[in-house]
Amino acid sequence: MSLVFDLYVPARSWLHRLDPRVKLWLVVLGLGGAFLLHAWWQQALFLLGLLLLLRSASLAWQKLHWLWRQMRWLVIFILVLQPIFTPGGATLVAVGPLQLTMEGIQRALLLALRALTMAYVAGGLLFTTEQQALVRALVRLGVPYTWGLTLSLTLRFLPALGDLFSKVREAQAARGWVAEGNFFRRAREYLPVLVAVIIGTLRMGDQLTLALAARGLGSAQQRTTWRDLEMQPFDWWVLIGSTAGALLLLLL
């Protein structure tokens, strides 16, 4: 079973050409901005601007929608449960000890939009940066090569697991597998799917180990680089402009 570990989308946009070290800094600023905004409408505007920014980098709506599909259950989970467990504000509906308040709804919207913002910030990095360039950027920032490679593979391994789970579930459904009944019965019906996913994950791990060994990972010899990273004038302008914008947001 082969899976694609790389989420990179080849293109020649301004974001693709940007130095990966600058993109890592933009990720830090984006995640920081997501936590600095404390109103749901501010978070919504921030997310909208982020989506427009990614669209300007030649990322198709299909790719952005794919990331939304990976996050939709978490977003629904937040929107359903968070309003019930957030006290304060005007009570809209009360059922026993559970209360649905306006404060809870606003808090749920804020957390759901924040989770989406964090996902699209990380997705923007993975969609526009080759794995080799990302590892090289981490190494140039002082991170050991094995650590940088491990982090890069981890960021790509999680979507691969989700894709594996979807493929196994579709294959089981084609063979007549159906999950019905209450929560516990459905959880028990998913056992064959989970077993197949675990086996597939172990197989993927073996394939990855052989691939890394074949490329000399762990060799004591000095590593060489085919194309080194060099900051261009546009990279410096983006770095300075984004930092100034983040400081302005912090002051506000």
Protein backbone atom coordinates (compact mmCIF):
# COMPACT_ATOMS: atom_id res chain seq x y z
CA MET A 1 0.00 0.00 0.00
CA SER A 2 1.60 3.27 -1.11
CA LEU A 3 0.57 6.62 0.18
CA VAL A 4 1.67 10.12 -0.76
CA PHE A 5 3.54 11.69 2.14
CA ASP A 6 4.09 15.05 0.48
CA LEU A 7 1.31 17.66 0.41
CA TYR A 8 3.36 20.00 -1.76
CA VAL A 9 1.48 21.54 -4.71
CA PRO A 10 3.92 22.51 -7.50
CA ALA A 11 3.49 26.09 -8.71
CA ARG A 12 5.52 29.26 -9.32
CA SER A 13 3.60 31.70 -7.15
CA TRP A 14 5.17 34.31 -4.88
CA LEU A 15 4.56 32.11 -1.83
CA HIS A 16 6.19 29.09 -3.47
CA ARG A 17 9.30 31.16 -4.28
CA LEU A 18 9.53 32.63 -0.79
CA ASP A 19 12.41 31.42 1.35
CA PRO A 20 11.19 28.60 3.63
CA ARG A 21 12.75 30.30 6.66
CA VAL A 22 10.54 33.32 6.03
CA LYS A 23 7.53 31.02 5.65
CA LEU A 24 8.34 29.42 9.00
CA TRP A 25 8.36 32.90 10.53
CA LEU A 26 5.02 33.64 8.86
CA VAL A 27 3.63 30.45 10.42
CA VAL A 28 4.77 31.65 13.86
CA LEU A 29 3.15 35.04 13.26
CA GLY A 30 -0.04 33.45 11.94
CA LEU A 31 -0.41 31.15 14.94
CA GLY A 32 0.35 34.03 17.28
CA GLY A 33 -2.23 36.22 15.55
CA ALA A 34 -4.84 33.48 15.87
CA PHE A 35 -4.38 33.47 19.65
CA LEU A 36 -4.23 37.27 19.97
CA LEU A 37 -7.70 37.77 18.46
CA HIS A 38 -10.39 37.36 21.12
CA ALA A 39 -13.54 38.14 19.11
CA TRP A 40 -15.10 35.63 16.73
CA TRP A 41 -15.68 38.25 14.01
CA GLN A 42 -12.01 39.28 14.16
CA GLN A 43 -11.02 35.62 13.84
CA ALA A 44 -13.40 35.27 10.87
CA LEU A 45 -11.83 38.25 9.10
CA PHE A 46 -8.36 36.88 9.80
CA LEU A 47 -9.33 33.49 8.35
CA LEU A 48 -10.89 35.13 5.28
CA GLY A 49 -7.72 37.13 4.66
CA LEU A 50 -5.64 33.96 5.06
CA LEU A 51 -7.79 32.10 2.50
CA LEU A 52 -7.44 34.97 0.01
CA LEU A 53 -3.68 34.95 0.61
CA LEU A 54 -3.50 31.22 -0.13
CA ARG A 55 -5.63 31.67 -3.24
CA SER A 56 -3.19 34.31 -4.47
CA ALA A 57 -0.50 31.62 -4.21
CA SER A 58 -2.21 29.54 -6.94
CA LEU A 59 -3.74 27.06 -4.48
CA ALA A 60 -7.00 25.71 -5.92
CA TRP A 61 -10.24 25.76 -3.95
CA GLN A 62 -10.25 21.96 -4.17
CA LYS A 63 -7.06 21.81 -2.10
CA LEU A 64 -8.41 24.26 0.48
CA HIS A 65 -11.67 22.32 0.60
CA TRP A 66 -9.70 19.10 1.19
CA LEU A 67 -8.18 20.66 4.30
CA TRP A 68 -11.64 21.71 5.46
CA ARG A 69 -12.83 18.11 5.12
CA GLN A 70 -10.02 16.99 7.41
CA MET A 71 -11.06 19.56 10.02
CA ARG A 72 -14.85 19.51 9.73
CA TRP A 73 -15.53 16.95 12.49
CA LEU A 74 -13.36 18.82 14.97
CA VAL A 75 -15.15 22.07 14.07
CA ILE A 76 -18.56 20.43 14.49
CA PHE A 77 -17.44 18.92 17.80
CA ILE A 78 -16.44 22.37 19.09
CA LEU A 79 -19.61 24.06 17.85
CA VAL A 80 -21.83 21.43 19.48
CA LEU A 81 -20.16 20.97 22.87
CA GLN A 82 -18.50 24.30 23.64
CA PRO A 83 -21.73 26.37 23.98
CA ILE A 84 -23.08 23.95 26.59
CA PHE A 85 -20.05 24.11 28.87
CA THR A 86 -19.39 27.88 28.71
CA PRO A 87 -21.13 29.79 31.54
CA GLY A 88 -22.04 33.45 31.42
CA GLY A 89 -24.19 35.64 29.20
CA ALA A 90 -27.88 35.51 28.46
CA THR A 91 -29.38 32.02 28.69
CA LEU A 92 -31.15 31.03 25.48
CA VAL A 93 -32.12 27.42 26.28
CA ALA A 94 -31.86 25.49 29.55
CA VAL A 95 -32.34 21.72 29.87
CA GLY A 96 -31.64 20.63 33.44
CA PRO A 97 -28.05 21.58 34.38
CA LEU A 98 -27.15 22.29 30.74
CA GLN A 99 -27.52 25.87 29.52
CA LEU A 100 -27.07 27.32 26.07
CA THR A 101 -25.84 30.91 26.42
CA MET A 102 -24.94 33.63 23.97
CA GLU A 103 -21.47 33.77 25.49
CA GLY A 104 -21.12 30.03 24.82
CA ILE A 105 -22.09 30.42 21.17
CA GLN A 106 -19.59 33.25 20.64
CA ARG A 107 -16.89 31.27 22.42
CA ALA A 108 -17.59 28.21 20.26
CA LEU A 109 -17.39 30.28 17.08
CA LEU A 110 -14.08 31.76 18.24
CA LEU A 111 -12.50 28.38 19.03
CA ALA A 112 -13.79 26.74 15.83
CA LEU A 113 -12.48 29.58 13.66
CA ARG A 114 -9.18 29.53 15.56
CA ALA A 115 -8.76 25.81 14.89
CA LEU A 116 -9.45 26.38 11.18
CA THR A 117 -7.01 29.29 11.09
CA MET A 118 -4.24 27.18 12.64
CA ALA A 119 -4.93 24.39 10.15
CA TYR A 120 -4.76 26.72 7.14
CA VAL A 121 -1.61 28.42 8.44
CA ALA A 122 0.15 25.05 8.69
CA GLY A 123 -1.42 23.91 5.41
CA GLY A 124 -0.11 26.99 3.63
CA LEU A 125 3.41 26.00 4.63
CA LEU A 126 3.05 22.36 3.58
CA PHE A 127 1.23 23.13 0.30
CA THR A 128 3.88 25.61 -0.88
CA THR A 129 7.14 24.18 0.49
CA GLU A 130 9.02 21.13 -0.74
CA GLN A 131 10.07 18.68 1.94
CA GLN A 132 13.77 19.07 1.15
CA ALA A 133 13.54 22.86 1.39
CA LEU A 134 11.69 22.66 4.71
CA VAL A 135 14.30 20.34 6.21
CA ARG A 136 17.09 22.54 4.88
CA ALA A 137 15.48 25.63 6.41
CA LEU A 138 15.25 23.95 9.82
CA VAL A 139 18.91 22.90 9.56
CA ARG A 140 19.97 26.45 8.64
CA LEU A 141 18.08 27.68 11.72
CA GLY A 142 20.20 25.42 13.93
CA VAL A 143 17.99 22.34 14.18
CA PRO A 144 19.83 18.98 13.76
CA TYR A 145 19.12 17.35 10.42
CA THR A 146 17.46 14.27 11.91
CA TRP A 147 15.16 16.45 14.02
CA GLY A 148 14.18 18.56 11.04
CA LEU A 149 13.50 15.48 8.93
CA THR A 150 11.44 13.92 11.73
CA LEU A 151 9.31 17.05 12.11
CA SER A 152 8.80 17.32 8.35
CA LEU A 153 7.74 13.67 8.07
CA THR A 154 5.41 14.01 11.06
CA LEU A 155 3.56 16.92 9.49
CA ARG A 156 3.01 14.82 6.37
CA PHE A 157 2.38 11.51 8.11
CA LEU A 158 -0.83 12.64 9.85
CA PRO A 159 -2.71 13.42 6.59
CA ALA A 160 -1.40 10.11 5.21
CA LEU A 161 -3.01 8.28 8.14
CA GLY A 162 -6.31 10.03 7.49
CA ASP A 163 -6.12 9.04 3.83
CA LEU A 164 -5.33 5.46 4.83
CA PHE A 165 -8.34 5.33 7.16
CA SER A 166 -10.65 6.62 4.39
CA LYS A 167 -9.33 4.06 1.88
CA VAL A 168 -9.72 1.15 4.32
CA ARG A 169 -13.24 2.23 5.26
CA GLU A 170 -14.27 2.52 1.60
CA ALA A 171 -12.73 -0.88 0.83
CA GLN A 172 -14.61 -2.48 3.74
CA ALA A 173 -17.85 -0.82 2.68
CA ALA A 174 -17.42 -2.22 -0.84
CA ARG A 175 -17.27 -5.70 0.76
CA GLY A 176 -20.55 -5.19 2.61
CA TRP A 177 -19.31 -3.68 5.89
CA VAL A 178 -21.88 -1.41 7.55
CA ALA A 179 -21.62 0.39 10.92
CA GLU A 180 -25.08 0.73 12.47
CA GLY A 181 -26.66 0.99 15.89
CA ASN A 182 -25.73 3.01 18.95
CA PHE A 183 -22.33 4.50 19.70
CA PHE A 184 -20.87 1.38 21.36
CA ARG A 185 -22.11 -0.94 18.61
CA ARG A 186 -20.68 1.34 15.93
CA ALA A 187 -17.36 1.49 17.79
CA ARG A 188 -17.24 -2.32 17.89
CA GLU A 189 -18.06 -2.49 14.16
CA TYR A 190 -15.04 -0.28 13.45
CA LEU A 191 -12.59 -2.81 14.90
CA PRO A 192 -11.83 -4.46 11.49
CA VAL A 193 -11.14 -1.01 10.04
CA LEU A 194 -8.80 -0.10 12.90
CA VAL A 195 -6.92 -3.38 12.61
CA ALA A 196 -6.36 -2.81 8.89
CA VAL A 197 -5.24 0.78 9.57
CA ILE A 198 -2.72 -0.40 12.19
CA ILE A 199 -1.31 -3.00 9.80
CA GLY A 200 -1.09 -0.42 7.03
CA THR A 201 0.63 2.04 9.38
CA LEU A 202 3.26 -0.56 10.34
CA ARG A 203 3.83 -1.33 6.67
CA MET A 204 4.23 2.37 5.91
CA GLY A 205 6.75 2.64 8.74
CA ASP A 206 8.81 -0.23 7.31
CA GLN A 207 8.78 1.31 3.85
CA LEU A 208 9.82 4.67 5.25
CA THR A 209 12.66 3.10 7.24
CA LEU A 210 14.03 1.33 4.15
CA ALA A 211 13.74 4.50 2.08
CA LEU A 212 15.66 6.56 4.64
CA ALA A 213 18.33 3.88 5.02
CA ALA A 214 18.76 3.72 1.24
CA ARG A 215 19.41 7.48 1.24
CA GLY A 216 22.15 7.24 3.83
CA LEU A 217 20.34 8.65 6.86
CA GLY A 218 22.60 8.36 9.89
CA SER A 219 25.80 8.27 7.87
CA ALA A 220 28.81 9.80 9.63
CA GLN A 221 29.94 11.57 6.47
CA GLN A 222 29.39 15.31 6.01
CA ARG A 223 26.12 16.03 4.21
CA THR A 224 26.20 18.09 1.04
CA THR A 225 23.55 20.34 -0.48
CA TRP A 226 22.60 20.56 -4.14
CA ARG A 227 20.93 23.98 -3.78
CA ASP A 228 21.55 26.05 -0.68
CA LEU A 229 19.10 28.65 0.65
CA GLU A 230 19.82 32.32 0.05
CA MET A 231 17.65 35.25 1.12
CA GLN A 232 16.54 37.44 -1.79
CA PRO A 233 15.41 41.10 -1.55
CA PHE A 234 11.74 40.05 -1.78
CA ASP A 235 12.25 37.66 1.14
CA TRP A 236 13.64 40.48 3.28
CA TRP A 237 10.72 42.77 2.36
CA VAL A 238 8.19 40.11 3.33
CA LEU A 239 10.07 39.38 6.56
CA ILE A 240 10.21 43.04 7.58
CA GLY A 241 6.65 43.82 6.47
CA SER A 242 5.10 40.83 8.24
CA THR A 243 7.02 41.57 11.45
CA ALA A 244 5.92 45.20 11.38
CA GLY A 245 2.30 44.14 10.82
CA ALA A 246 2.48 41.69 13.72
CA LEU A 247 3.89 44.39 16.04
CA LEU A 248 1.09 46.75 14.99
CA LEU A 249 -1.51 44.07 15.73
CA LEU A 250 0.11 43.45 19.12
CA LEU A 251 -0.03 47.17 19.97
CA LEU A 252 -3.69 47.36 18.96
